[in-house]
Amino acid sequence: MGNTQEDLTMDSQTLIWIGIAVVALVAIAAVAWSIYARRHSERLRNRFGPEYERALERHGNRRKAEADLAERARRVEKLTLRPLTAEETERFARSWKTVQSHFVDNPTAAVSESNALIKELMQARGYPVGDFEERAADLSVEHAEVVTHYRAARDIALGNEKGKATTEDLRQAVVHYRALFQELLDQPVAVAQAS
């Protein structure tokens, strides 16, 4: 009852087939994971637009950037965001017109008022209004395309505090703020228009 040469060959062949099957399963799993990861990245890139690239640049690593973006989405899902009432919408629209009218006499004040009005509008919609980076990150989840405007407006406002912004720069800041303001007010955004 010893093992014959035929039995050993059959056992070797079985082990070879099992090995091939294991390698094939590992390869299939790797391909599936790669496809999943690529699709996950595409979904995040589509959802966050320019913020995806910004997160990549900031973290220097796709995994870390995507984890950051996913965390933003989880954080915003926990917020109780709400639409504005008709009265609130009308009040904010009037306030925006007032801010724009101040630009002619005092561009610096108009930029500051624009920022304050954006924060007030965010708060009315249910967003926390902590530090700027957190506000921008929260906005990027639902308003990815216009958060770039918010960042640009802030950069100009900071430059203005250092005396490095022209009147045209300040006008651009108000245009940038307006793009976000209109989005938060649930109105279509006409980004290319100037004030």
N, C-alpha and C. Protein backbone atom coordinates (compact mmCIF):
# COMPACT_ATOMS: atom_id res chain seq x y z
N MET A 1 0.80 -1.18 0.00
CA MET A 1 0.00 0.00 0.00
C MET A 1 0.84 1.25 0.00
N GLY A 2 1.94 1.24 -0.54
CA GLY A 2 2.77 2.41 -0.64
C GLY A 2 2.30 3.32 -1.77
N ASN A 3 2.82 4.49 -1.74
CA ASN A 3 2.49 5.43 -2.81
C ASN A 3 3.23 5.02 -4.06
N THR A 4 2.49 4.93 -5.09
CA THR A 4 3.10 4.59 -6.37
C THR A 4 3.47 5.87 -7.08
N GLN A 5 4.25 5.69 -8.10
CA GLN A 5 4.67 6.84 -8.91
C GLN A 5 3.45 7.56 -9.48
N GLU A 6 2.43 6.80 -9.85
CA GLU A 6 1.21 7.38 -10.43
C GLU A 6 0.47 8.22 -9.39
N ASP A 7 0.43 7.73 -8.13
CA ASP A 7 -0.23 8.48 -7.07
C ASP A 7 0.50 9.80 -6.79
N LEU A 8 1.84 9.75 -6.79
CA LEU A 8 2.63 10.96 -6.55
C LEU A 8 2.44 11.96 -7.67
N THR A 9 2.38 11.49 -8.89
CA THR A 9 2.18 12.38 -10.02
C THR A 9 0.81 13.03 -9.94
N MET A 10 -0.20 12.25 -9.56
CA MET A 10 -1.55 12.79 -9.44
C MET A 10 -1.61 13.83 -8.33
N ASP A 11 -0.95 13.56 -7.18
CA ASP A 11 -0.90 14.53 -6.09
C ASP A 11 -0.16 15.79 -6.51
N SER A 12 0.91 15.66 -7.24
CA SER A 12 1.67 16.81 -7.72
C SER A 12 0.82 17.64 -8.68
N GLN A 13 0.13 16.95 -9.56
CA GLN A 13 -0.73 17.67 -10.51
C GLN A 13 -1.86 18.39 -9.78
N THR A 14 -2.43 17.78 -8.78
CA THR A 14 -3.49 18.41 -7.99
C THR A 14 -2.94 19.66 -7.29
N LEU A 15 -1.76 19.54 -6.72
CA LEU A 15 -1.15 20.70 -6.05
C LEU A 15 -0.86 21.82 -7.04
N ILE A 16 -0.41 21.44 -8.23
CA ILE A 16 -0.14 22.45 -9.26
C ILE A 16 -1.43 23.17 -9.64
N TRP A 17 -2.51 22.42 -9.82
CA TRP A 17 -3.80 23.03 -10.19
C TRP A 17 -4.33 23.91 -9.06
N ILE A 18 -4.15 23.45 -7.84
CA ILE A 18 -4.57 24.27 -6.70
C ILE A 18 -3.74 25.56 -6.66
N GLY A 19 -2.44 25.44 -6.89
CA GLY A 19 -1.58 26.62 -6.92
C GLY A 19 -1.99 27.59 -8.02
N ILE A 20 -2.29 27.06 -9.19
CA ILE A 20 -2.73 27.91 -10.31
C ILE A 20 -4.04 28.60 -9.95
N ALA A 21 -4.96 27.84 -9.34
CA ALA A 21 -6.25 28.43 -8.94
C ALA A 21 -6.06 29.55 -7.93
N VAL A 22 -5.16 29.34 -6.96
CA VAL A 22 -4.89 30.36 -5.94
C VAL A 22 -4.30 31.62 -6.59
N VAL A 23 -3.33 31.42 -7.47
CA VAL A 23 -2.71 32.56 -8.17
C VAL A 23 -3.77 33.29 -9.00
N ALA A 24 -4.63 32.54 -9.68
CA ALA A 24 -5.69 33.16 -10.49
C ALA A 24 -6.65 33.96 -9.62
N LEU A 25 -7.03 33.41 -8.46
CA LEU A 25 -7.93 34.12 -7.55
C LEU A 25 -7.28 35.40 -7.02
N VAL A 26 -6.01 35.31 -6.68
CA VAL A 26 -5.29 36.50 -6.20
C VAL A 26 -5.23 37.55 -7.31
N ALA A 27 -4.96 37.13 -8.52
CA ALA A 27 -4.90 38.06 -9.66
C ALA A 27 -6.27 38.69 -9.90
N ILE A 28 -7.32 37.90 -9.85
CA ILE A 28 -8.67 38.42 -10.04
C ILE A 28 -9.01 39.42 -8.93
N ALA A 29 -8.66 39.09 -7.69
CA ALA A 29 -8.91 40.00 -6.57
C ALA A 29 -8.14 41.31 -6.74
N ALA A 30 -6.89 41.22 -7.20
CA ALA A 30 -6.08 42.43 -7.41
C ALA A 30 -6.68 43.30 -8.50
N VAL A 31 -7.13 42.68 -9.58
CA VAL A 31 -7.76 43.44 -10.67
C VAL A 31 -9.05 44.08 -10.18
N ALA A 32 -9.86 43.31 -9.44
CA ALA A 32 -11.12 43.84 -8.91
C ALA A 32 -10.85 45.02 -7.97
N TRP A 33 -9.86 44.88 -7.10
CA TRP A 33 -9.52 45.97 -6.19
C TRP A 33 -9.05 47.20 -6.96
N SER A 34 -8.26 46.99 -7.99
CA SER A 34 -7.76 48.09 -8.80
C SER A 34 -8.93 48.82 -9.49
N ILE A 35 -9.87 48.05 -10.03
CA ILE A 35 -11.04 48.66 -10.68
C ILE A 35 -11.87 49.43 -9.66
N TYR A 36 -12.08 48.83 -8.49
CA TYR A 36 -12.83 49.49 -7.43
C TYR A 36 -12.15 50.80 -7.02
N ALA A 37 -10.85 50.74 -6.80
CA ALA A 37 -10.10 51.93 -6.38
C ALA A 37 -10.16 53.02 -7.44
N ARG A 38 -10.03 52.63 -8.71
CA ARG A 38 -10.09 53.61 -9.80
C ARG A 38 -11.47 54.27 -9.86
N ARG A 39 -12.51 53.45 -9.74
CA ARG A 39 -13.88 54.01 -9.77
C ARG A 39 -14.14 54.89 -8.56
N HIS A 40 -13.64 54.47 -7.41
CA HIS A 40 -13.78 55.28 -6.20
C HIS A 40 -13.11 56.64 -6.39
N SER A 41 -11.92 56.62 -6.95
CA SER A 41 -11.19 57.87 -7.22
C SER A 41 -11.96 58.73 -8.21
N GLU A 42 -12.50 58.12 -9.25
CA GLU A 42 -13.27 58.87 -10.25
C GLU A 42 -14.50 59.51 -9.61
N ARG A 43 -15.21 58.75 -8.76
CA ARG A 43 -16.39 59.30 -8.09
C ARG A 43 -16.01 60.50 -7.23
N LEU A 44 -14.92 60.38 -6.46
CA LEU A 44 -14.48 61.50 -5.63
C LEU A 44 -14.04 62.68 -6.49
N ARG A 45 -13.33 62.40 -7.57
CA ARG A 45 -12.87 63.47 -8.47
C ARG A 45 -14.07 64.20 -9.06
N ASN A 46 -15.10 63.46 -9.47
CA ASN A 46 -16.31 64.07 -10.02
C ASN A 46 -17.08 64.85 -8.97
N ARG A 47 -17.15 64.31 -7.77
CA ARG A 47 -17.91 64.98 -6.72
C ARG A 47 -17.24 66.25 -6.24
N PHE A 48 -15.91 66.19 -6.07
CA PHE A 48 -15.20 67.31 -5.46
C PHE A 48 -14.53 68.25 -6.45
N GLY A 49 -14.50 67.88 -7.72
CA GLY A 49 -13.93 68.75 -8.73
C GLY A 49 -12.55 69.26 -8.37
N PRO A 50 -12.36 70.58 -8.39
CA PRO A 50 -11.05 71.16 -8.11
C PRO A 50 -10.53 70.85 -6.70
N GLU A 51 -11.42 70.58 -5.78
CA GLU A 51 -11.00 70.25 -4.41
C GLU A 51 -10.26 68.92 -4.36
N TYR A 52 -10.56 68.01 -5.30
CA TYR A 52 -9.85 66.74 -5.35
C TYR A 52 -8.37 67.00 -5.62
N GLU A 53 -8.11 67.81 -6.64
CA GLU A 53 -6.71 68.14 -6.98
C GLU A 53 -6.04 68.90 -5.84
N ARG A 54 -6.77 69.77 -5.21
CA ARG A 54 -6.23 70.54 -4.10
C ARG A 54 -5.85 69.60 -2.94
N ALA A 55 -6.71 68.61 -2.67
CA ALA A 55 -6.43 67.66 -1.60
C ALA A 55 -5.20 66.80 -1.96
N LEU A 56 -5.09 66.42 -3.22
CA LEU A 56 -3.91 65.66 -3.66
C LEU A 56 -2.64 66.48 -3.43
N GLU A 57 -2.71 67.72 -3.82
CA GLU A 57 -1.56 68.61 -3.67
C GLU A 57 -1.20 68.79 -2.18
N ARG A 58 -2.22 68.96 -1.38
CA ARG A 58 -2.01 69.21 0.05
C ARG A 58 -1.42 67.99 0.76
N HIS A 59 -1.96 66.81 0.44
CA HIS A 59 -1.53 65.59 1.14
C HIS A 59 -0.36 64.90 0.45
N GLY A 60 -0.18 65.14 -0.85
CA GLY A 60 0.92 64.51 -1.58
C GLY A 60 0.75 63.01 -1.77
N ASN A 61 -0.46 62.53 -1.54
CA ASN A 61 -0.71 61.09 -1.57
C ASN A 61 -2.19 60.88 -1.86
N ARG A 62 -2.49 60.05 -2.85
CA ARG A 62 -3.89 59.82 -3.26
C ARG A 62 -4.71 59.25 -2.11
N ARG A 63 -4.18 58.26 -1.42
CA ARG A 63 -4.95 57.63 -0.33
C ARG A 63 -5.31 58.63 0.76
N LYS A 64 -4.33 59.42 1.18
CA LYS A 64 -4.59 60.40 2.23
C LYS A 64 -5.58 61.46 1.76
N ALA A 65 -5.42 61.91 0.53
CA ALA A 65 -6.32 62.92 -0.03
C ALA A 65 -7.75 62.38 -0.09
N GLU A 66 -7.89 61.16 -0.57
CA GLU A 66 -9.22 60.58 -0.69
C GLU A 66 -9.84 60.29 0.68
N ALA A 67 -9.02 59.93 1.64
CA ALA A 67 -9.52 59.73 3.00
C ALA A 67 -10.02 61.06 3.57
N ASP A 68 -9.30 62.14 3.30
CA ASP A 68 -9.70 63.47 3.75
C ASP A 68 -11.04 63.85 3.12
N LEU A 69 -11.19 63.64 1.82
CA LEU A 69 -12.43 63.98 1.14
C LEU A 69 -13.60 63.13 1.64
N ALA A 70 -13.35 61.86 1.86
CA ALA A 70 -14.40 60.99 2.39
C ALA A 70 -14.81 61.42 3.80
N GLU A 71 -13.84 61.85 4.59
CA GLU A 71 -14.14 62.33 5.94
C GLU A 71 -14.98 63.61 5.88
N ARG A 72 -14.68 64.48 4.94
CA ARG A 72 -15.49 65.69 4.76
C ARG A 72 -16.94 65.30 4.49
N ALA A 73 -17.12 64.36 3.58
CA ALA A 73 -18.47 63.94 3.21
C ALA A 73 -19.20 63.35 4.42
N ARG A 74 -18.51 62.54 5.21
CA ARG A 74 -19.14 61.96 6.42
C ARG A 74 -19.52 63.07 7.40
N ARG A 75 -18.63 64.05 7.57
CA ARG A 75 -18.90 65.14 8.51
C ARG A 75 -20.12 65.95 8.06
N VAL A 76 -20.21 66.24 6.77
CA VAL A 76 -21.32 67.05 6.26
C VAL A 76 -22.63 66.26 6.31
N GLU A 77 -22.56 64.94 6.11
CA GLU A 77 -23.77 64.12 6.20
C GLU A 77 -24.40 64.21 7.59
N LYS A 78 -23.60 64.46 8.60
CA LYS A 78 -24.10 64.56 9.97
C LYS A 78 -24.73 65.93 10.26
N LEU A 79 -24.48 66.90 9.40
CA LEU A 79 -25.05 68.24 9.60
C LEU A 79 -26.53 68.22 9.24
N THR A 80 -27.27 69.14 9.82
CA THR A 80 -28.67 69.31 9.46
C THR A 80 -28.76 70.54 8.56
N LEU A 81 -28.50 70.32 7.28
CA LEU A 81 -28.55 71.41 6.32
C LEU A 81 -30.01 71.61 5.89
N ARG A 82 -30.36 72.85 5.65
CA ARG A 82 -31.75 73.13 5.28
C ARG A 82 -31.81 74.21 4.22
N PRO A 83 -32.86 74.18 3.42
CA PRO A 83 -33.05 75.28 2.47
C PRO A 83 -33.54 76.52 3.22
N LEU A 84 -33.40 77.63 2.58
CA LEU A 84 -33.89 78.88 3.18
C LEU A 84 -35.39 79.01 2.93
N THR A 85 -36.05 79.71 3.81
CA THR A 85 -37.45 80.04 3.57
C THR A 85 -37.48 81.15 2.51
N ALA A 86 -38.63 81.41 1.96
CA ALA A 86 -38.78 82.48 0.96
C ALA A 86 -38.40 83.83 1.58
N GLU A 87 -38.78 84.03 2.83
CA GLU A 87 -38.47 85.29 3.51
C GLU A 87 -36.97 85.45 3.71
N GLU A 88 -36.32 84.36 4.13
CA GLU A 88 -34.87 84.42 4.31
C GLU A 88 -34.17 84.68 2.99
N THR A 89 -34.62 84.01 1.96
CA THR A 89 -34.01 84.21 0.64
C THR A 89 -34.12 85.67 0.22
N GLU A 90 -35.28 86.25 0.41
CA GLU A 90 -35.50 87.66 0.04
C GLU A 90 -34.62 88.57 0.90
N ARG A 91 -34.53 88.29 2.18
CA ARG A 91 -33.72 89.12 3.07
C ARG A 91 -32.25 89.06 2.68
N PHE A 92 -31.74 87.84 2.39
CA PHE A 92 -30.34 87.71 2.00
C PHE A 92 -30.09 88.38 0.65
N ALA A 93 -31.03 88.26 -0.27
CA ALA A 93 -30.86 88.91 -1.58
C ALA A 93 -30.78 90.43 -1.42
N ARG A 94 -31.63 90.98 -0.56
CA ARG A 94 -31.58 92.44 -0.30
C ARG A 94 -30.24 92.81 0.34
N SER A 95 -29.81 92.01 1.27
CA SER A 95 -28.52 92.29 1.95
C SER A 95 -27.38 92.27 0.94
N TRP A 96 -27.42 91.33 0.00
CA TRP A 96 -26.36 91.26 -1.00
C TRP A 96 -26.35 92.52 -1.86
N LYS A 97 -27.51 92.99 -2.25
CA LYS A 97 -27.59 94.23 -3.06
C LYS A 97 -26.99 95.40 -2.28
N THR A 98 -27.25 95.44 -1.00
CA THR A 98 -26.69 96.51 -0.16
C THR A 98 -25.16 96.42 -0.13
N VAL A 99 -24.65 95.22 0.06
CA VAL A 99 -23.20 95.02 0.08
C VAL A 99 -22.59 95.49 -1.24
N GLN A 100 -23.18 95.09 -2.35
CA GLN A 100 -22.65 95.50 -3.66
C GLN A 100 -22.69 97.01 -3.83
N SER A 101 -23.73 97.65 -3.32
CA SER A 101 -23.82 99.10 -3.47
C SER A 101 -22.73 99.81 -2.66
N HIS A 102 -22.24 99.19 -1.61
CA HIS A 102 -21.17 99.78 -0.80
C HIS A 102 -19.82 99.74 -1.51
N PHE A 103 -19.70 98.91 -2.52
CA PHE A 103 -18.41 98.73 -3.18
C PHE A 103 -17.88 100.04 -3.76
N VAL A 104 -18.74 100.83 -4.36
CA VAL A 104 -18.31 102.07 -5.02
C VAL A 104 -17.62 103.00 -4.03
N ASP A 105 -18.19 103.15 -2.85
CA ASP A 105 -17.65 104.08 -1.87
C ASP A 105 -16.53 103.47 -1.02
N ASN A 106 -16.60 102.17 -0.78
CA ASN A 106 -15.62 101.56 0.10
C ASN A 106 -15.42 100.08 -0.27
N PRO A 107 -14.57 99.81 -1.26
CA PRO A 107 -14.37 98.44 -1.72
C PRO A 107 -13.90 97.49 -0.61
N THR A 108 -13.04 97.97 0.27
CA THR A 108 -12.54 97.12 1.35
C THR A 108 -13.68 96.69 2.27
N ALA A 109 -14.53 97.63 2.63
CA ALA A 109 -15.67 97.31 3.49
C ALA A 109 -16.62 96.34 2.77
N ALA A 110 -16.81 96.53 1.48
CA ALA A 110 -17.71 95.65 0.72
C ALA A 110 -17.19 94.20 0.72
N VAL A 111 -15.89 94.04 0.63
CA VAL A 111 -15.31 92.69 0.67
C VAL A 111 -15.53 92.07 2.05
N SER A 112 -15.29 92.83 3.10
CA SER A 112 -15.52 92.34 4.47
C SER A 112 -16.99 92.00 4.69
N GLU A 113 -17.86 92.87 4.21
CA GLU A 113 -19.31 92.62 4.36
C GLU A 113 -19.73 91.39 3.56
N SER A 114 -19.13 91.19 2.39
CA SER A 114 -19.45 90.01 1.58
C SER A 114 -19.10 88.74 2.34
N ASN A 115 -17.92 88.73 2.94
CA ASN A 115 -17.49 87.57 3.71
C ASN A 115 -18.42 87.33 4.90
N ALA A 116 -18.77 88.40 5.60
CA ALA A 116 -19.66 88.26 6.76
C ALA A 116 -21.03 87.74 6.34
N LEU A 117 -21.51 88.22 5.19
CA LEU A 117 -22.82 87.78 4.71
C LEU A 117 -22.78 86.30 4.29
N ILE A 118 -21.68 85.88 3.70
CA ILE A 118 -21.52 84.46 3.34
C ILE A 118 -21.58 83.61 4.61
N LYS A 119 -20.87 84.03 5.65
CA LYS A 119 -20.88 83.27 6.90
C LYS A 119 -22.28 83.22 7.50
N GLU A 120 -22.99 84.33 7.47
CA GLU A 120 -24.35 84.37 7.99
C GLU A 120 -25.28 83.44 7.18
N LEU A 121 -25.11 83.45 5.87
CA LEU A 121 -25.91 82.59 5.01
C LEU A 121 -25.59 81.12 5.26
N MET A 122 -24.31 80.81 5.41
CA MET A 122 -23.92 79.43 5.72
C MET A 122 -24.57 78.97 7.02
N GLN A 123 -24.51 79.82 8.02
CA GLN A 123 -25.08 79.48 9.32
C GLN A 123 -26.59 79.27 9.20
N ALA A 124 -27.25 80.11 8.44
CA ALA A 124 -28.70 79.96 8.24
C ALA A 124 -29.03 78.64 7.55
N ARG A 125 -28.14 78.18 6.67
CA ARG A 125 -28.37 76.91 5.97
C ARG A 125 -28.00 75.70 6.82
N GLY A 126 -27.29 75.93 7.95
CA GLY A 126 -26.95 74.83 8.85
C GLY A 126 -25.49 74.44 8.87
N TYR A 127 -24.65 75.20 8.20
CA TYR A 127 -23.22 74.91 8.20
C TYR A 127 -22.57 75.50 9.45
N PRO A 128 -21.61 74.79 10.04
CA PRO A 128 -20.84 75.41 11.12
C PRO A 128 -19.94 76.49 10.51
N VAL A 129 -19.69 77.52 11.25
CA VAL A 129 -18.88 78.61 10.70
C VAL A 129 -17.61 78.82 11.51
N GLY A 130 -16.92 77.73 11.81
CA GLY A 130 -15.65 77.80 12.53
C GLY A 130 -14.59 78.47 11.68
N ASP A 131 -13.42 77.89 11.65
CA ASP A 131 -12.33 78.50 10.90
C ASP A 131 -12.57 78.35 9.38
N PHE A 132 -11.87 79.15 8.63
CA PHE A 132 -12.09 79.21 7.19
C PHE A 132 -11.89 77.86 6.51
N GLU A 133 -10.80 77.17 6.82
CA GLU A 133 -10.51 75.90 6.14
C GLU A 133 -11.62 74.88 6.37
N GLU A 134 -12.17 74.85 7.57
CA GLU A 134 -13.27 73.92 7.84
C GLU A 134 -14.51 74.33 7.07
N ARG A 135 -14.79 75.64 7.01
CA ARG A 135 -15.95 76.12 6.22
C ARG A 135 -15.79 75.72 4.77
N ALA A 136 -14.62 75.97 4.21
CA ALA A 136 -14.38 75.65 2.80
C ALA A 136 -14.48 74.14 2.57
N ALA A 137 -13.93 73.35 3.49
CA ALA A 137 -14.00 71.89 3.36
C ALA A 137 -15.45 71.42 3.39
N ASP A 138 -16.24 71.96 4.31
CA ASP A 138 -17.65 71.58 4.39
C ASP A 138 -18.40 71.97 3.13
N LEU A 139 -18.14 73.16 2.63
CA LEU A 139 -18.80 73.61 1.41
C LEU A 139 -18.41 72.77 0.21
N SER A 140 -17.19 72.26 0.20
CA SER A 140 -16.71 71.51 -0.96
C SER A 140 -17.50 70.23 -1.20
N VAL A 141 -18.17 69.73 -0.17
CA VAL A 141 -18.93 68.48 -0.31
C VAL A 141 -20.13 68.68 -1.23
N GLU A 142 -20.87 69.75 -1.04
CA GLU A 142 -22.08 69.99 -1.83
C GLU A 142 -21.91 71.09 -2.88
N HIS A 143 -20.86 71.87 -2.75
CA HIS A 143 -20.68 73.03 -3.65
C HIS A 143 -19.24 73.07 -4.15
N ALA A 144 -18.78 71.95 -4.68
CA ALA A 144 -17.38 71.81 -5.06
C ALA A 144 -16.92 72.82 -6.10
N GLU A 145 -17.79 73.13 -7.03
CA GLU A 145 -17.37 74.02 -8.11
C GLU A 145 -17.19 75.47 -7.66
N VAL A 146 -17.96 75.90 -6.67
CA VAL A 146 -17.84 77.31 -6.26
C VAL A 146 -16.96 77.54 -5.05
N VAL A 147 -16.54 76.46 -4.38
CA VAL A 147 -15.67 76.67 -3.23
C VAL A 147 -14.33 77.27 -3.67
N THR A 148 -13.96 77.03 -4.91
CA THR A 148 -12.75 77.66 -5.46
C THR A 148 -12.89 79.18 -5.45
N HIS A 149 -14.09 79.66 -5.73
CA HIS A 149 -14.34 81.11 -5.68
C HIS A 149 -14.18 81.63 -4.24
N TYR A 150 -14.67 80.84 -3.30
CA TYR A 150 -14.58 81.24 -1.90
C TYR A 150 -13.11 81.38 -1.48
N ARG A 151 -12.31 80.41 -1.90
CA ARG A 151 -10.89 80.45 -1.57
C ARG A 151 -10.21 81.65 -2.24
N ALA A 152 -10.56 81.89 -3.50
CA ALA A 152 -9.95 83.02 -4.22
C ALA A 152 -10.33 84.35 -3.57
N ALA A 153 -11.59 84.48 -3.18
CA ALA A 153 -12.04 85.71 -2.52
C ALA A 153 -11.28 85.92 -1.21
N ARG A 154 -11.10 84.86 -0.46
CA ARG A 154 -10.39 84.97 0.81
C ARG A 154 -8.93 85.37 0.59
N ASP A 155 -8.30 84.77 -0.42
CA ASP A 155 -6.91 85.13 -0.71
C ASP A 155 -6.78 86.62 -1.03
N ILE A 156 -7.73 87.12 -1.79
CA ILE A 156 -7.70 88.55 -2.12
C ILE A 156 -7.92 89.39 -0.86
N ALA A 157 -8.88 88.97 -0.03
CA ALA A 157 -9.16 89.71 1.21
C ALA A 157 -7.93 89.73 2.11
N LEU A 158 -7.23 88.61 2.21
CA LEU A 158 -6.00 88.57 3.02
C LEU A 158 -4.93 89.46 2.42
N GLY A 159 -4.82 89.45 1.09
CA GLY A 159 -3.87 90.35 0.43
C GLY A 159 -4.21 91.80 0.69
N ASN A 160 -5.50 92.11 0.73
CA ASN A 160 -5.94 93.48 0.99
C ASN A 160 -5.55 93.91 2.40
N GLU A 161 -5.64 92.99 3.36
CA GLU A 161 -5.25 93.33 4.73
C GLU A 161 -3.77 93.71 4.81
N LYS A 162 -2.98 93.21 3.88
CA LYS A 162 -1.55 93.51 3.83
C LYS A 162 -1.25 94.67 2.87
N GLY A 163 -2.32 95.28 2.35
CA GLY A 163 -2.15 96.39 1.43
C GLY A 163 -1.72 95.97 0.04
N LYS A 164 -1.98 94.73 -0.35
CA LYS A 164 -1.51 94.21 -1.63
C LYS A 164 -2.64 93.92 -2.61
N ALA A 165 -3.77 94.56 -2.46
CA ALA A 165 -4.89 94.32 -3.38
C ALA A 165 -5.32 95.64 -4.01
N THR A 166 -5.52 95.59 -5.31
CA THR A 166 -6.00 96.77 -6.03
C THR A 166 -7.53 96.79 -5.96
N THR A 167 -8.10 97.88 -6.42
CA THR A 167 -9.56 97.97 -6.49
C THR A 167 -10.10 96.88 -7.40
N GLU A 168 -9.40 96.61 -8.49
CA GLU A 168 -9.84 95.53 -9.39
C GLU A 168 -9.78 94.17 -8.69
N ASP A 169 -8.76 93.95 -7.88
CA ASP A 169 -8.68 92.71 -7.10
C ASP A 169 -9.88 92.60 -6.17
N LEU A 170 -10.21 93.70 -5.52
CA LEU A 170 -11.35 93.70 -4.59
C LEU A 170 -12.66 93.45 -5.33
N ARG A 171 -12.77 94.00 -6.53
CA ARG A 171 -13.96 93.74 -7.34
C ARG A 171 -14.05 92.25 -7.66
N GLN A 172 -12.93 91.66 -7.99
CA GLN A 172 -12.90 90.22 -8.27
C GLN A 172 -13.28 89.42 -7.02
N ALA A 173 -12.85 89.88 -5.85
CA ALA A 173 -13.23 89.18 -4.61
C ALA A 173 -14.74 89.18 -4.44
N VAL A 174 -15.36 90.32 -4.70
CA VAL A 174 -16.82 90.40 -4.58
C VAL A 174 -17.49 89.48 -5.61
N VAL A 175 -16.94 89.42 -6.83
CA VAL A 175 -17.47 88.52 -7.85
C VAL A 175 -17.35 87.07 -7.38
N HIS A 176 -16.22 86.72 -6.79
CA HIS A 176 -16.03 85.37 -6.27
C HIS A 176 -17.02 85.08 -5.13
N TYR A 177 -17.16 86.01 -4.21
CA TYR A 177 -18.12 85.82 -3.12
C TYR A 177 -19.53 85.66 -3.68
N ARG A 178 -19.84 86.44 -4.70
CA ARG A 178 -21.19 86.38 -5.29
C ARG A 178 -21.48 84.99 -5.87
N ALA A 179 -20.50 84.36 -6.49
CA ALA A 179 -20.71 83.02 -7.05
C ALA A 179 -21.14 82.05 -5.95
N LEU A 180 -20.44 82.08 -4.81
CA LEU A 180 -20.80 81.21 -3.70
C LEU A 180 -22.13 81.63 -3.10
N PHE A 181 -22.33 82.92 -2.95
CA PHE A 181 -23.57 83.43 -2.37
C PHE A 181 -24.77 82.95 -3.18
N GLN A 182 -24.70 83.09 -4.49
CA GLN A 182 -25.82 82.66 -5.33
C GLN A 182 -26.06 81.16 -5.23
N GLU A 183 -25.00 80.40 -5.16
CA GLU A 183 -25.13 78.94 -5.02
C GLU A 183 -25.82 78.59 -3.71
N LEU A 184 -25.40 79.22 -2.63
CA LEU A 184 -26.00 78.94 -1.33
C LEU A 184 -27.44 79.44 -1.24
N LEU A 185 -27.74 80.44 -2.03
CA LEU A 185 -29.10 80.98 -2.05
C LEU A 185 -30.00 80.14 -2.97
N ASP A 186 -29.41 79.09 -3.59
CA ASP A 186 -30.11 78.20 -4.50
C ASP A 186 -30.54 78.91 -5.78
N GLN A 187 -29.73 79.80 -6.24
CA GLN A 187 -29.96 80.45 -7.53
C GLN A 187 -28.89 79.98 -8.49
N PRO A 188 -29.21 79.94 -9.79
CA PRO A 188 -28.17 79.54 -10.75
C PRO A 188 -27.00 80.52 -10.70
N VAL A 189 -25.82 79.99 -10.92
CA VAL A 189 -24.62 80.81 -10.86
C VAL A 189 -24.19 81.20 -12.26
N ALA A 190 -23.99 82.47 -12.48
CA ALA A 190 -23.44 82.97 -13.75
C ALA A 190 -22.06 83.49 -13.43
N VAL A 191 -21.10 82.59 -13.32
CA VAL A 191 -19.77 82.89 -12.82
C VAL A 191 -19.04 83.92 -13.68
N ALA A 192 -19.22 83.87 -14.97
CA ALA A 192 -18.43 84.73 -15.85
C ALA A 192 -18.85 86.19 -15.78
N GLN A 193 -20.01 86.48 -15.22
CA GLN A 193 -20.47 87.86 -15.17
C GLN A 193 -19.70 88.64 -14.10
N ALA A 194 -19.48 89.88 -14.38
CA ALA A 194 -18.81 90.76 -13.41
C ALA A 194 -19.86 91.65 -12.77
N SER A 195 -19.49 92.21 -11.59
CA SER A 195 -20.46 93.11 -10.95
C SER A 195 -20.56 94.43 -11.65
